[in-house]
């Protein structure tokens, strides 16, 4: 099947997938928002959302409510304290939160970081 015969959402997903696989989008970085995908590829919001969900299904991205889609990468913590449950925490979320705090600690950023960390805590 040639690239032109693929549905538009699949072509967009392929471009974003290549950005991840080629390292242009690193683990923990934010993927373009639905709005940015709409503008860049001149598509409807549903098409943008569909293309981003393709990456989620392929475990290349993780949706975080209030933040966006984050390039996936996870690690299971070891040596948890007795009496605590072990949770599979997306390290990408924590790295992104740290970068956001280091870059600019304004109230809007703090709110996004809090949302990001809540999602990581509730991921398990």
PDB file of N, CA and C in Angstrom:
ATOM      1  N   UNK A   1       0.848  -1.180   0.000  1.00  0.00           N
ATOM      2  CA  UNK A   1       0.000   0.000   0.000  1.00  0.00           C
ATOM      3  C   UNK A   1       0.892   1.241   0.000  1.00  0.00           C
ATOM      4  N   UNK A   2       0.708   2.109  -0.955  1.00  0.00           N
ATOM      5  CA  UNK A   2       1.522   3.314  -1.052  1.00  0.00           C
ATOM      6  C   UNK A   2       1.082   4.328   0.002  1.00  0.00           C
ATOM      7  N   UNK A   3       1.998   5.209   0.431  1.00  0.00           N
ATOM      8  CA  UNK A   3       1.651   6.208   1.448  1.00  0.00           C
ATOM      9  C   UNK A   3       0.448   7.071   1.069  1.00  0.00           C
ATOM     10  N   UNK A   4       0.292   7.367  -0.223  1.00  0.00           N
ATOM     11  CA  UNK A   4      -0.826   8.213  -0.651  1.00  0.00           C
ATOM     12  C   UNK A   4      -2.167   7.489  -0.529  1.00  0.00           C
ATOM     13  N   UNK A   5      -2.150   6.157  -0.516  1.00  0.00           N
ATOM     14  CA  UNK A   5      -3.405   5.418  -0.423  1.00  0.00           C
ATOM     15  C   UNK A   5      -3.851   5.214   1.027  1.00  0.00           C
ATOM     16  N   UNK A   6      -2.978   5.562   1.973  1.00  0.00           N
ATOM     17  CA  UNK A   6      -3.340   5.455   3.390  1.00  0.00           C
ATOM     18  C   UNK A   6      -4.329   6.560   3.760  1.00  0.00           C
ATOM     19  N   UNK A   7      -5.194   6.297   4.736  1.00  0.00           N
ATOM     20  CA  UNK A   7      -6.066   7.366   5.226  1.00  0.00           C
ATOM     21  C   UNK A   7      -5.222   8.514   5.795  1.00  0.00           C
ATOM     22  N   UNK A   8      -5.773   9.713   5.776  1.00  0.00           N
ATOM     23  CA  UNK A   8      -5.041  10.905   6.226  1.00  0.00           C
ATOM     24  C   UNK A   8      -4.538  10.738   7.658  1.00  0.00           C
ATOM     25  N   UNK A   9      -5.379  10.213   8.556  1.00  0.00           N
ATOM     26  CA  UNK A   9      -4.953  10.082   9.953  1.00  0.00           C
ATOM     27  C   UNK A   9      -3.753   9.149  10.072  1.00  0.00           C
ATOM     28  N   UNK A  10      -3.677   8.130   9.219  1.00  0.00           N
ATOM     29  CA  UNK A  10      -2.542   7.201   9.236  1.00  0.00           C
ATOM     30  C   UNK A  10      -1.271   7.884   8.720  1.00  0.00           C
ATOM     31  N   UNK A  11      -1.412   8.735   7.702  1.00  0.00           N
ATOM     32  CA  UNK A  11      -0.250   9.465   7.177  1.00  0.00           C
ATOM     33  C   UNK A  11       0.301  10.415   8.236  1.00  0.00           C
ATOM     34  N   UNK A  12      -0.597  11.080   8.961  1.00  0.00           N
ATOM     35  CA  UNK A  12      -0.163  11.990  10.031  1.00  0.00           C
ATOM     36  C   UNK A  12       0.527  11.190  11.127  1.00  0.00           C
ATOM     37  N   UNK A  13      -0.064  10.070  11.505  1.00  0.00           N
ATOM     38  CA  UNK A  13       0.534   9.218  12.535  1.00  0.00           C
ATOM     39  C   UNK A  13       1.927   8.756  12.110  1.00  0.00           C
ATOM     40  N   UNK A  14       2.090   8.457  10.835  1.00  0.00           N
ATOM     41  CA  UNK A  14       3.391   8.018  10.331  1.00  0.00           C
ATOM     42  C   UNK A  14       4.434   9.128  10.465  1.00  0.00           C
ATOM     43  N   UNK A  15       4.055  10.359  10.157  1.00  0.00           N
ATOM     44  CA  UNK A  15       4.984  11.492  10.301  1.00  0.00           C
ATOM     45  C   UNK A  15       5.387  11.642  11.770  1.00  0.00           C
ATOM     46  N   UNK A  16       4.411  11.600  12.670  1.00  0.00           N
ATOM     47  CA  UNK A  16       4.699  11.747  14.099  1.00  0.00           C
ATOM     48  C   UNK A  16       5.516  10.561  14.619  1.00  0.00           C
ATOM     49  N   UNK A  17       5.195   9.357  14.151  1.00  0.00           N
ATOM     50  CA  UNK A  17       5.945   8.161  14.546  1.00  0.00           C
ATOM     51  C   UNK A  17       7.407   8.321  14.156  1.00  0.00           C
ATOM     52  N   UNK A  18       7.657   8.789  12.933  1.00  0.00           N
ATOM     53  CA  UNK A  18       9.034   8.992  12.481  1.00  0.00           C
ATOM     54  C   UNK A  18       9.746  10.040  13.327  1.00  0.00           C
ATOM     55  N   UNK A  19       9.029  11.081  13.739  1.00  0.00           N
ATOM     56  CA  UNK A  19       9.626  12.092  14.616  1.00  0.00           C
ATOM     57  C   UNK A  19      10.091  11.456  15.926  1.00  0.00           C
ATOM     58  N   UNK A  20       9.298  10.514  16.439  1.00  0.00           N
ATOM     59  CA  UNK A  20       9.667   9.823  17.678  1.00  0.00           C
ATOM     60  C   UNK A  20      10.830   8.873  17.423  1.00  0.00           C
ATOM     61  N   UNK A  21      10.717   8.038  16.409  1.00  0.00           N
ATOM     62  CA  UNK A  21      11.739   7.032  16.137  1.00  0.00           C
ATOM     63  C   UNK A  21      13.075   7.638  15.717  1.00  0.00           C
ATOM     64  N   UNK A  22      13.028   8.795  15.051  1.00  0.00           N
ATOM     65  CA  UNK A  22      14.263   9.467  14.634  1.00  0.00           C
ATOM     66  C   UNK A  22      14.861  10.339  15.734  1.00  0.00           C
ATOM     67  N   UNK A  23      14.169  10.439  16.874  1.00  0.00           N
ATOM     68  CA  UNK A  23      14.706  11.205  17.994  1.00  0.00           C
ATOM     69  C   UNK A  23      14.385  12.686  17.976  1.00  0.00           C
ATOM     70  N   UNK A  24      13.598  13.147  17.010  1.00  0.00           N
ATOM     71  CA  UNK A  24      13.210  14.563  17.006  1.00  0.00           C
ATOM     72  C   UNK A  24      12.271  14.849  18.176  1.00  0.00           C
ATOM     73  N   UNK A  25      11.519  13.843  18.590  1.00  0.00           N
ATOM     74  CA  UNK A  25      10.684  13.930  19.794  1.00  0.00           C
ATOM     75  C   UNK A  25      11.202  12.877  20.762  1.00  0.00           C
ATOM     76  N   UNK A  26      11.799  13.325  21.862  1.00  0.00           N
ATOM     77  CA  UNK A  26      12.412  12.410  22.822  1.00  0.00           C
ATOM     78  C   UNK A  26      11.401  11.897  23.833  1.00  0.00           C
ATOM     79  N   UNK A  27      11.757  10.814  24.477  1.00  0.00           N
ATOM     80  CA  UNK A  27      10.949  10.278  25.566  1.00  0.00           C
ATOM     81  C   UNK A  27      10.682  11.383  26.583  1.00  0.00           C
ATOM     82  N   UNK A  28       9.413  11.538  26.933  1.00  0.00           N
ATOM     83  CA  UNK A  28       9.035  12.542  27.917  1.00  0.00           C
ATOM     84  C   UNK A  28       8.634  13.873  27.325  1.00  0.00           C
ATOM     85  N   UNK A  29       8.936  14.087  26.049  1.00  0.00           N
ATOM     86  CA  UNK A  29       8.558  15.361  25.446  1.00  0.00           C
ATOM     87  C   UNK A  29       7.097  15.326  25.018  1.00  0.00           C
ATOM     88  N   UNK A  30       6.531  16.501  24.893  1.00  0.00           N
ATOM     89  CA  UNK A  30       5.138  16.593  24.467  1.00  0.00           C
ATOM     90  C   UNK A  30       5.040  16.470  22.952  1.00  0.00           C
ATOM     91  N   UNK A  31       4.080  15.682  22.503  1.00  0.00           N
ATOM     92  CA  UNK A  31       3.761  15.634  21.080  1.00  0.00           C
ATOM     93  C   UNK A  31       3.011  16.911  20.736  1.00  0.00           C
ATOM     94  N   UNK A  32       2.888  17.239  19.466  1.00  0.00           N
ATOM     95  CA  UNK A  32       2.084  18.410  19.110  1.00  0.00           C
ATOM     96  C   UNK A  32       0.648  18.227  19.623  1.00  0.00           C
ATOM     97  N   UNK A  33       0.037  19.325  20.026  1.00  0.00           N
ATOM     98  CA  UNK A  33      -1.349  19.264  20.499  1.00  0.00           C
ATOM     99  C   UNK A  33      -2.275  18.970  19.324  1.00  0.00           C
ATOM    100  N   UNK A  34      -3.516  18.603  19.637  1.00  0.00           N
ATOM    101  CA  UNK A  34      -4.498  18.373  18.575  1.00  0.00           C
ATOM    102  C   UNK A  34      -4.622  19.612  17.698  1.00  0.00           C
ATOM    103  N   UNK A  35      -4.646  20.771  18.331  1.00  0.00           N
ATOM    104  CA  UNK A  35      -4.764  22.031  17.585  1.00  0.00           C
ATOM    105  C   UNK A  35      -3.570  22.238  16.658  1.00  0.00           C
ATOM    106  N   UNK A  36      -2.353  21.934  17.162  1.00  0.00           N
ATOM    107  CA  UNK A  36      -1.158  22.078  16.333  1.00  0.00           C
ATOM    108  C   UNK A  36      -1.180  21.115  15.156  1.00  0.00           C
ATOM    109  N   UNK A  37      -1.649  19.885  15.385  1.00  0.00           N
ATOM    110  CA  UNK A  37      -1.749  18.902  14.307  1.00  0.00           C
ATOM    111  C   UNK A  37      -2.755  19.396  13.264  1.00  0.00           C
ATOM    112  N   UNK A  38      -3.877  19.956  13.742  1.00  0.00           N
ATOM    113  CA  UNK A  38      -4.888  20.501  12.823  1.00  0.00           C
ATOM    114  C   UNK A  38      -4.283  21.564  11.911  1.00  0.00           C
ATOM    115  N   UNK A  39      -3.537  22.489  12.507  1.00  0.00           N
ATOM    116  CA  UNK A  39      -2.929  23.572  11.726  1.00  0.00           C
ATOM    117  C   UNK A  39      -1.860  23.054  10.778  1.00  0.00           C
ATOM    118  N   UNK A  40      -0.985  22.206  11.294  1.00  0.00           N
ATOM    119  CA  UNK A  40       0.148  21.725  10.489  1.00  0.00           C
ATOM    120  C   UNK A  40      -0.307  20.910   9.283  1.00  0.00           C
ATOM    121  N   UNK A  41      -1.315  20.048   9.489  1.00  0.00           N
ATOM    122  CA  UNK A  41      -1.734  19.147   8.420  1.00  0.00           C
ATOM    123  C   UNK A  41      -3.054  19.561   7.765  1.00  0.00           C
ATOM    124  N   UNK A  42      -3.624  20.665   8.246  1.00  0.00           N
ATOM    125  CA  UNK A  42      -4.880  21.195   7.697  1.00  0.00           C
ATOM    126  C   UNK A  42      -5.987  20.138   7.692  1.00  0.00           C
ATOM    127  N   UNK A  43      -6.232  19.611   8.904  1.00  0.00           N
ATOM    128  CA  UNK A  43      -7.261  18.575   9.069  1.00  0.00           C
ATOM    129  C   UNK A  43      -8.205  18.971  10.202  1.00  0.00           C
ATOM    130  N   UNK A  44      -9.318  18.266  10.292  1.00  0.00           N
ATOM    131  CA  UNK A  44     -10.285  18.483  11.367  1.00  0.00           C
ATOM    132  C   UNK A  44      -9.742  17.921  12.678  1.00  0.00           C
ATOM    133  N   UNK A  45     -10.296  18.398  13.771  1.00  0.00           N
ATOM    134  CA  UNK A  45      -9.849  17.977  15.095  1.00  0.00           C
ATOM    135  C   UNK A  45      -9.996  16.462  15.285  1.00  0.00           C
ATOM    136  N   UNK A  46     -11.077  15.890  14.778  1.00  0.00           N
ATOM    137  CA  UNK A  46     -11.290  14.442  14.920  1.00  0.00           C
ATOM    138  C   UNK A  46     -10.177  13.659  14.215  1.00  0.00           C
ATOM    139  N   UNK A  47      -9.731  14.149  13.082  1.00  0.00           N
ATOM    140  CA  UNK A  47      -8.654  13.490  12.353  1.00  0.00           C
ATOM    141  C   UNK A  47      -7.345  13.594  13.136  1.00  0.00           C
ATOM    142  N   UNK A  48      -7.079  14.769  13.693  1.00  0.00           N
ATOM    143  CA  UNK A  48      -5.875  14.957  14.514  1.00  0.00           C
ATOM    144  C   UNK A  48      -5.897  14.025  15.712  1.00  0.00           C
ATOM    145  N   UNK A  49      -7.026  13.966  16.387  1.00  0.00           N
ATOM    146  CA  UNK A  49      -7.175  13.108  17.570  1.00  0.00           C
ATOM    147  C   UNK A  49      -6.972  11.642  17.192  1.00  0.00           C
ATOM    148  N   UNK A  50      -7.554  11.236  16.083  1.00  0.00           N
ATOM    149  CA  UNK A  50      -7.428   9.859  15.624  1.00  0.00           C
ATOM    150  C   UNK A  50      -5.964   9.509  15.368  1.00  0.00           C
ATOM    151  N   UNK A  51      -5.230  10.411  14.740  1.00  0.00           N
ATOM    152  CA  UNK A  51      -3.819  10.145  14.439  1.00  0.00           C
ATOM    153  C   UNK A  51      -2.996  10.025  15.726  1.00  0.00           C
ATOM    154  N   UNK A  52      -3.291  10.854  16.718  1.00  0.00           N
ATOM    155  CA  UNK A  52      -2.573  10.773  17.990  1.00  0.00           C
ATOM    156  C   UNK A  52      -2.914   9.479  18.730  1.00  0.00           C
ATOM    157  N   UNK A  53      -4.155   9.032  18.613  1.00  0.00           N
ATOM    158  CA  UNK A  53      -4.552   7.783  19.273  1.00  0.00           C
ATOM    159  C   UNK A  53      -3.890   6.563  18.641  1.00  0.00           C
ATOM    160  N   UNK A  54      -3.516   6.662  17.366  1.00  0.00           N
ATOM    161  CA  UNK A  54      -2.765   5.579  16.733  1.00  0.00           C
ATOM    162  C   UNK A  54      -1.444   5.381  17.484  1.00  0.00           C
ATOM    163  N   UNK A  55      -0.781   6.483  17.830  1.00  0.00           N
ATOM    164  CA  UNK A  55       0.488   6.402  18.559  1.00  0.00           C
ATOM    165  C   UNK A  55       0.274   5.854  19.969  1.00  0.00           C
ATOM    166  N   UNK A  56      -0.856   6.183  20.576  1.00  0.00           N
ATOM    167  CA  UNK A  56      -1.177   5.646  21.910  1.00  0.00           C
ATOM    168  C   UNK A  56      -1.339   4.132  21.818  1.00  0.00           C
ATOM    169  N   UNK A  57      -2.093   3.672  20.817  1.00  0.00           N
ATOM    170  CA  UNK A  57      -2.302   2.225  20.650  1.00  0.00           C
ATOM    171  C   UNK A  57      -0.993   1.487  20.375  1.00  0.00           C
ATOM    172  N   UNK A  58      -0.047   2.171  19.771  1.00  0.00           N
ATOM    173  CA  UNK A  58       1.262   1.571  19.479  1.00  0.00           C
ATOM    174  C   UNK A  58       2.233   1.722  20.652  1.00  0.00           C
ATOM    175  N   UNK A  59       1.766   2.251  21.774  1.00  0.00           N
ATOM    176  CA  UNK A  59       2.586   2.482  22.968  1.00  0.00           C
ATOM    177  C   UNK A  59       3.752   3.433  22.722  1.00  0.00           C
ATOM    178  N   UNK A  60       3.589   4.341  21.761  1.00  0.00           N
ATOM    179  CA  UNK A  60       4.598   5.370  21.520  1.00  0.00           C
ATOM    180  C   UNK A  60       4.260   6.669  22.245  1.00  0.00           C
ATOM    181  N   UNK A  61       3.009   6.804  22.698  1.00  0.00           N
ATOM    182  CA  UNK A  61       2.571   8.029  23.367  1.00  0.00           C
ATOM    183  C   UNK A  61       1.589   7.676  24.484  1.00  0.00           C
ATOM    184  N   UNK A  62       1.506   8.589  25.431  1.00  0.00           N
ATOM    185  CA  UNK A  62       0.583   8.438  26.556  1.00  0.00           C
ATOM    186  C   UNK A  62      -0.214   9.733  26.671  1.00  0.00           C
ATOM    187  N   UNK A  63      -1.562   9.635  26.672  1.00  0.00           N
ATOM    188  CA  UNK A  63      -2.347  10.856  26.848  1.00  0.00           C
ATOM    189  C   UNK A  63      -2.388  11.237  28.331  1.00  0.00           C
ATOM    190  N   UNK A  64      -2.221  12.527  28.607  1.00  0.00           N
ATOM    191  CA  UNK A  64      -2.293  13.027  29.973  1.00  0.00           C
ATOM    192  C   UNK A  64      -3.322  14.149  29.997  1.00  0.00           C
ATOM    193  N   UNK A  65      -4.403  13.916  30.719  1.00  0.00           N
ATOM    194  CA  UNK A  65      -5.488  14.893  30.764  1.00  0.00           C
ATOM    195  C   UNK A  65      -4.970  16.245  31.230  1.00  0.00           C
ATOM    196  N   UNK A  66      -5.323  17.271  30.499  1.00  0.00           N
ATOM    197  CA  UNK A  66      -4.927  18.629  30.847  1.00  0.00           C
ATOM    198  C   UNK A  66      -3.530  19.000  30.412  1.00  0.00           C
ATOM    199  N   UNK A  67      -2.776  18.048  29.869  1.00  0.00           N
ATOM    200  CA  UNK A  67      -1.402  18.308  29.465  1.00  0.00           C
ATOM    201  C   UNK A  67      -1.219  18.064  27.978  1.00  0.00           C
ATOM    202  N   UNK A  68      -1.643  16.913  27.502  1.00  0.00           N
ATOM    203  CA  UNK A  68      -1.481  16.550  26.099  1.00  0.00           C
ATOM    204  C   UNK A  68      -0.963  15.137  25.978  1.00  0.00           C
ATOM    205  N   UNK A  69      -0.308  14.859  24.869  1.00  0.00           N
ATOM    206  CA  UNK A  69       0.250  13.535  24.611  1.00  0.00           C
ATOM    207  C   UNK A  69       1.751  13.591  24.837  1.00  0.00           C
ATOM    208  N   UNK A  70       2.259  12.641  25.621  1.00  0.00           N
ATOM    209  CA  UNK A  70       3.666  12.594  25.973  1.00  0.00           C
ATOM    210  C   UNK A  70       4.290  11.373  25.307  1.00  0.00           C
ATOM    211  N   UNK A  71       5.501  11.545  24.763  1.00  0.00           N
ATOM    212  CA  UNK A  71       6.218  10.421  24.165  1.00  0.00           C
ATOM    213  C   UNK A  71       6.506   9.420  25.277  1.00  0.00           C
ATOM    214  N   UNK A  72       6.109   8.162  25.047  1.00  0.00           N
ATOM    215  CA  UNK A  72       6.136   7.135  26.086  1.00  0.00           C
ATOM    216  C   UNK A  72       7.533   6.625  26.394  1.00  0.00           C
ATOM    217  N   UNK A  73       7.625   6.049  27.561  1.00  0.00           N
ATOM    218  CA  UNK A  73       8.809   5.385  28.073  1.00  0.00           C
ATOM    219  C   UNK A  73       8.551   5.117  29.540  1.00  0.00           C
ATOM    220  N   UNK A  74       8.574   3.861  29.952  1.00  0.00           N
ATOM    221  CA  UNK A  74       8.243   3.558  31.340  1.00  0.00           C
ATOM    222  C   UNK A  74       9.308   2.686  31.976  1.00  0.00           C
ATOM    223  N   UNK A  75       9.299   2.725  33.280  1.00  0.00           N
ATOM    224  CA  UNK A  75      10.217   1.909  34.062  1.00  0.00           C
ATOM    225  C   UNK A  75       9.481   1.537  35.339  1.00  0.00           C
ATOM    226  N   UNK A  76       9.633   0.327  35.797  1.00  0.00           N
ATOM    227  CA  UNK A  76       8.997  -0.094  37.036  1.00  0.00           C
ATOM    228  C   UNK A  76       9.961   0.149  38.178  1.00  0.00           C
ATOM    229  N   UNK A  77       9.556   0.945  39.190  1.00  0.00           N
ATOM    230  CA  UNK A  77      10.439   1.209  40.316  1.00  0.00           C
ATOM    231  C   UNK A  77      10.726  -0.074  41.093  1.00  0.00           C
ATOM    232  N   UNK A  78      11.932  -0.175  41.629  1.00  0.00           N
ATOM    233  CA  UNK A  78      12.284  -1.331  42.443  1.00  0.00           C
ATOM    234  C   UNK A  78      12.552  -0.880  43.857  1.00  0.00           C
ATOM    235  N   UNK A  79      12.524  -1.813  44.796  1.00  0.00           N
ATOM    236  CA  UNK A  79      12.833  -1.487  46.182  1.00  0.00           C
ATOM    237  C   UNK A  79      11.813  -0.579  46.831  1.00  0.00           C
ATOM    238  N   UNK A  80      10.538  -0.801  46.565  1.00  0.00           N
ATOM    239  CA  UNK A  80       9.498   0.017  47.190  1.00  0.00           C
ATOM    240  C   UNK A  80       9.491  -0.218  48.692  1.00  0.00           C
ATOM    241  N   UNK A  81       9.133   0.810  49.428  1.00  0.00           N
ATOM    242  CA  UNK A  81       9.078   0.714  50.885  1.00  0.00           C
ATOM    243  C   UNK A  81       8.047  -0.329  51.289  1.00  0.00           C
ATOM    244  N   UNK A  82       8.281  -1.045  52.392  1.00  0.00           N
ATOM    245  CA  UNK A  82       7.317  -2.042  52.844  1.00  0.00           C
ATOM    246  C   UNK A  82       5.943  -1.405  53.077  1.00  0.00           C
ATOM    247  N   UNK A  83       4.913  -2.104  52.667  1.00  0.00           N
ATOM    248  CA  UNK A  83       3.555  -1.610  52.880  1.00  0.00           C
ATOM    249  C   UNK A  83       3.055  -0.680  51.786  1.00  0.00           C
ATOM    250  N   UNK A  84       3.896  -0.365  50.811  1.00  0.00           N
ATOM    251  CA  UNK A  84       3.454   0.479  49.702  1.00  0.00           C
ATOM    252  C   UNK A  84       3.278  -0.393  48.474  1.00  0.00           C
ATOM    253  N   UNK A  85       2.359  -0.004  47.631  1.00  0.00           N
ATOM    254  CA  UNK A  85       2.174  -0.782  46.412  1.00  0.00           C
ATOM    255  C   UNK A  85       3.118  -0.265  45.345  1.00  0.00           C
ATOM    256  N   UNK A  86       3.586  -1.155  44.530  1.00  0.00           N
ATOM    257  CA  UNK A  86       4.468  -0.779  43.435  1.00  0.00           C
ATOM    258  C   UNK A  86       3.604  -0.341  42.261  1.00  0.00           C
ATOM    259  N   UNK A  87       3.917   0.804  41.717  1.00  0.00           N
ATOM    260  CA  UNK A  87       3.153   1.357  40.605  1.00  0.00           C
ATOM    261  C   UNK A  87       4.085   1.545  39.426  1.00  0.00           C
ATOM    262  N   UNK A  88       3.610   1.189  38.255  1.00  0.00           N
ATOM    263  CA  UNK A  88       4.381   1.415  37.034  1.00  0.00           C
ATOM    264  C   UNK A  88       4.256   2.900  36.692  1.00  0.00           C
ATOM    265  N   UNK A  89       5.296   3.660  36.985  1.00  0.00           N
ATOM    266  CA  UNK A  89       5.277   5.110  36.815  1.00  0.00           C
ATOM    267  C   UNK A  89       5.920   5.488  35.490  1.00  0.00           C
ATOM    268  N   UNK A  90       5.208   6.231  34.676  1.00  0.00           N
ATOM    269  CA  UNK A  90       5.811   6.691  33.422  1.00  0.00           C
ATOM    270  C   UNK A  90       6.908   7.712  33.709  1.00  0.00           C
ATOM    271  N   UNK A  91       8.140   7.304  33.526  1.00  0.00           N
ATOM    272  CA  UNK A  91       9.282   8.179  33.777  1.00  0.00           C
ATOM    273  C   UNK A  91       9.220   9.405  32.879  1.00  0.00           C
ATOM    274  N   UNK A  92       8.662   9.237  31.702  1.00  0.00           N
ATOM    275  CA  UNK A  92       8.547  10.357  30.776  1.00  0.00           C
ATOM    276  C   UNK A  92       7.759  11.503  31.405  1.00  0.00           C
ATOM    277  N   UNK A  93       6.718  11.175  32.173  1.00  0.00           N
ATOM    278  CA  UNK A  93       5.929  12.220  32.835  1.00  0.00           C
ATOM    279  C   UNK A  93       6.799  13.000  33.804  1.00  0.00           C
ATOM    280  N   UNK A  94       7.582  12.281  34.592  1.00  0.00           N
ATOM    281  CA  UNK A  94       8.406  12.945  35.596  1.00  0.00           C
ATOM    282  C   UNK A  94       9.488  13.800  34.942  1.00  0.00           C
ATOM    283  N   UNK A  95      10.110  13.299  33.893  1.00  0.00           N
ATOM    284  CA  UNK A  95      11.131  14.087  33.191  1.00  0.00           C
ATOM    285  C   UNK A  95      10.537  15.361  32.602  1.00  0.00           C
ATOM    286  N   UNK A  96       9.358  15.242  32.007  1.00  0.00           N
ATOM    287  CA  UNK A  96       8.705  16.416  31.432  1.00  0.00           C
ATOM    288  C   UNK A  96       8.362  17.418  32.526  1.00  0.00           C
ATOM    289  N   UNK A  97       7.870  16.936  33.662  1.00  0.00           N
ATOM    290  CA  UNK A  97       7.527  17.819  34.779  1.00  0.00           C
ATOM    291  C   UNK A  97       8.758  18.579  35.264  1.00  0.00           C
ATOM    292  N   UNK A  98       9.867  17.879  35.389  1.00  0.00           N
ATOM    293  CA  UNK A  98      11.107  18.526  35.839  1.00  0.00           C
ATOM    294  C   UNK A  98      11.548  19.592  34.838  1.00  0.00           C
ATOM    295  N   UNK A  99      11.510  19.255  33.544  1.00  0.00           N
ATOM    296  CA  UNK A  99      11.908  20.223  32.521  1.00  0.00           C
ATOM    297  C   UNK A  99      11.016  21.454  32.533  1.00  0.00           C
ATOM    298  N   UNK A 100       9.711  21.240  32.734  1.00  0.00           N
ATOM    299  CA  UNK A 100       8.778  22.367  32.767  1.00  0.00           C
ATOM    300  C   UNK A 100       9.074  23.267  33.966  1.00  0.00           C
ATOM    301  N   UNK A 101       9.371  22.676  35.106  1.00  0.00           N
ATOM    302  CA  UNK A 101       9.683  23.477  36.293  1.00  0.00           C
ATOM    303  C   UNK A 101      10.984  24.247  36.112  1.00  0.00           C
ATOM    304  N   UNK A 102      11.988  23.586  35.553  1.00  0.00           N
ATOM    305  CA  UNK A 102      13.272  24.251  35.350  1.00  0.00           C
ATOM    306  C   UNK A 102      13.177  25.382  34.330  1.00  0.00           C
ATOM    307  N   UNK A 103      12.324  25.201  33.332  1.00  0.00           N
ATOM    308  CA  UNK A 103      12.215  26.189  32.264  1.00  0.00           C
ATOM    309  C   UNK A 103      11.495  27.454  32.709  1.00  0.00           C
ATOM    310  N   UNK A 104      10.428  27.300  33.487  1.00  0.00           N
ATOM    311  CA  UNK A 104       9.628  28.476  33.815  1.00  0.00           C
ATOM    312  C   UNK A 104       8.618  28.127  34.903  1.00  0.00           C
ATOM    313  N   UNK A 105       8.850  28.582  36.097  1.00  0.00           N
ATOM    314  CA  UNK A 105       7.969  28.247  37.221  1.00  0.00           C
ATOM    315  C   UNK A 105       6.875  29.302  37.389  1.00  0.00           C
ATOM    316  N   UNK A 106       6.021  29.429  36.382  1.00  0.00           N
ATOM    317  CA  UNK A 106       4.883  30.344  36.464  1.00  0.00           C
ATOM    318  C   UNK A 106       3.654  29.542  36.865  1.00  0.00           C
ATOM    319  N   UNK A 107       2.594  30.194  37.377  1.00  0.00           N
ATOM    320  CA  UNK A 107       1.417  29.457  37.838  1.00  0.00           C
ATOM    321  C   UNK A 107       0.833  28.489  36.805  1.00  0.00           C
ATOM    322  N   UNK A 108       0.777  28.870  35.539  1.00  0.00           N
ATOM    323  CA  UNK A 108       0.218  27.975  34.530  1.00  0.00           C
ATOM    324  C   UNK A 108       1.070  26.716  34.393  1.00  0.00           C
ATOM    325  N   UNK A 109       2.393  26.884  34.440  1.00  0.00           N
ATOM    326  CA  UNK A 109       3.288  25.735  34.365  1.00  0.00           C
ATOM    327  C   UNK A 109       3.131  24.867  35.595  1.00  0.00           C
ATOM    328  N   UNK A 110       3.035  25.479  36.755  1.00  0.00           N
ATOM    329  CA  UNK A 110       2.870  24.716  37.990  1.00  0.00           C
ATOM    330  C   UNK A 110       1.602  23.876  37.938  1.00  0.00           C
ATOM    331  N   UNK A 111       0.537  24.434  37.384  1.00  0.00           N
ATOM    332  CA  UNK A 111      -0.716  23.702  37.259  1.00  0.00           C
ATOM    333  C   UNK A 111      -0.560  22.507  36.320  1.00  0.00           C
ATOM    334  N   UNK A 112       0.123  22.698  35.198  1.00  0.00           N
ATOM    335  CA  UNK A 112       0.346  21.593  34.255  1.00  0.00           C
ATOM    336  C   UNK A 112       1.221  20.521  34.869  1.00  0.00           C
ATOM    337  N   UNK A 113       2.242  20.936  35.625  1.00  0.00           N
ATOM    338  CA  UNK A 113       3.120  19.969  36.280  1.00  0.00           C
ATOM    339  C   UNK A 113       2.335  19.166  37.314  1.00  0.00           C
ATOM    340  N   UNK A 114       1.483  19.851  38.077  1.00  0.00           N
ATOM    341  CA  UNK A 114       0.672  19.141  39.070  1.00  0.00           C
ATOM    342  C   UNK A 114      -0.224  18.118  38.392  1.00  0.00           C
ATOM    343  N   UNK A 115      -0.828  18.480  37.280  1.00  0.00           N
ATOM    344  CA  UNK A 115      -1.672  17.549  36.540  1.00  0.00           C
ATOM    345  C   UNK A 115      -0.854  16.366  36.047  1.00  0.00           C
ATOM    346  N   UNK A 116       0.329  16.637  35.550  1.00  0.00           N
ATOM    347  CA  UNK A 116       1.220  15.606  35.050  1.00  0.00           C
ATOM    348  C   UNK A 116       1.597  14.622  36.167  1.00  0.00           C
ATOM    349  N   UNK A 117       1.931  15.159  37.318  1.00  0.00           N
ATOM    350  CA  UNK A 117       2.327  14.300  38.434  1.00  0.00           C
ATOM    351  C   UNK A 117       1.143  13.498  38.965  1.00  0.00           C
ATOM    352  N   UNK A 118      -0.055  14.111  39.022  1.00  0.00           N
ATOM    353  CA  UNK A 118      -1.241  13.370  39.449  1.00  0.00           C
ATOM    354  C   UNK A 118      -1.495  12.190  38.515  1.00  0.00           C
ATOM    355  N   UNK A 119      -1.328  12.415  37.226  1.00  0.00           N
ATOM    356  CA  UNK A 119      -1.535  11.340  36.250  1.00  0.00           C
ATOM    357  C   UNK A 119      -0.531  10.210  36.473  1.00  0.00           C
ATOM    358  N   UNK A 120       0.701  10.571  36.787  1.00  0.00           N
ATOM    359  CA  UNK A 120       1.723   9.549  37.046  1.00  0.00           C
ATOM    360  C   UNK A 120       1.392   8.744  38.291  1.00  0.00           C
ATOM    361  N   UNK A 121       0.901   9.418  39.313  1.00  0.00           N
ATOM    362  CA  UNK A 121       0.542   8.728  40.560  1.00  0.00           C
ATOM    363  C   UNK A 121      -0.629   7.793  40.348  1.00  0.00           C
ATOM    364  N   UNK A 122      -1.591   8.212  39.549  1.00  0.00           N
ATOM    365  CA  UNK A 122      -2.799   7.407  39.339  1.00  0.00           C
ATOM    366  C   UNK A 122      -2.668   6.424  38.183  1.00  0.00           C
ATOM    367  N   UNK A 123      -1.487   6.390  37.545  1.00  0.00           N
ATOM    368  CA  UNK A 123      -1.291   5.499  36.390  1.00  0.00           C
ATOM    369  C   UNK A 123      -1.352   4.028  36.787  1.00  0.00           C
ATOM    370  N   UNK A 124      -1.099   3.739  38.029  1.00  0.00           N
ATOM    371  CA  UNK A 124      -1.085   2.341  38.448  1.00  0.00           C
ATOM    372  C   UNK A 124      -2.404   1.908  38.910  1.00  0.00           C
TER     373      UNK A 124
END
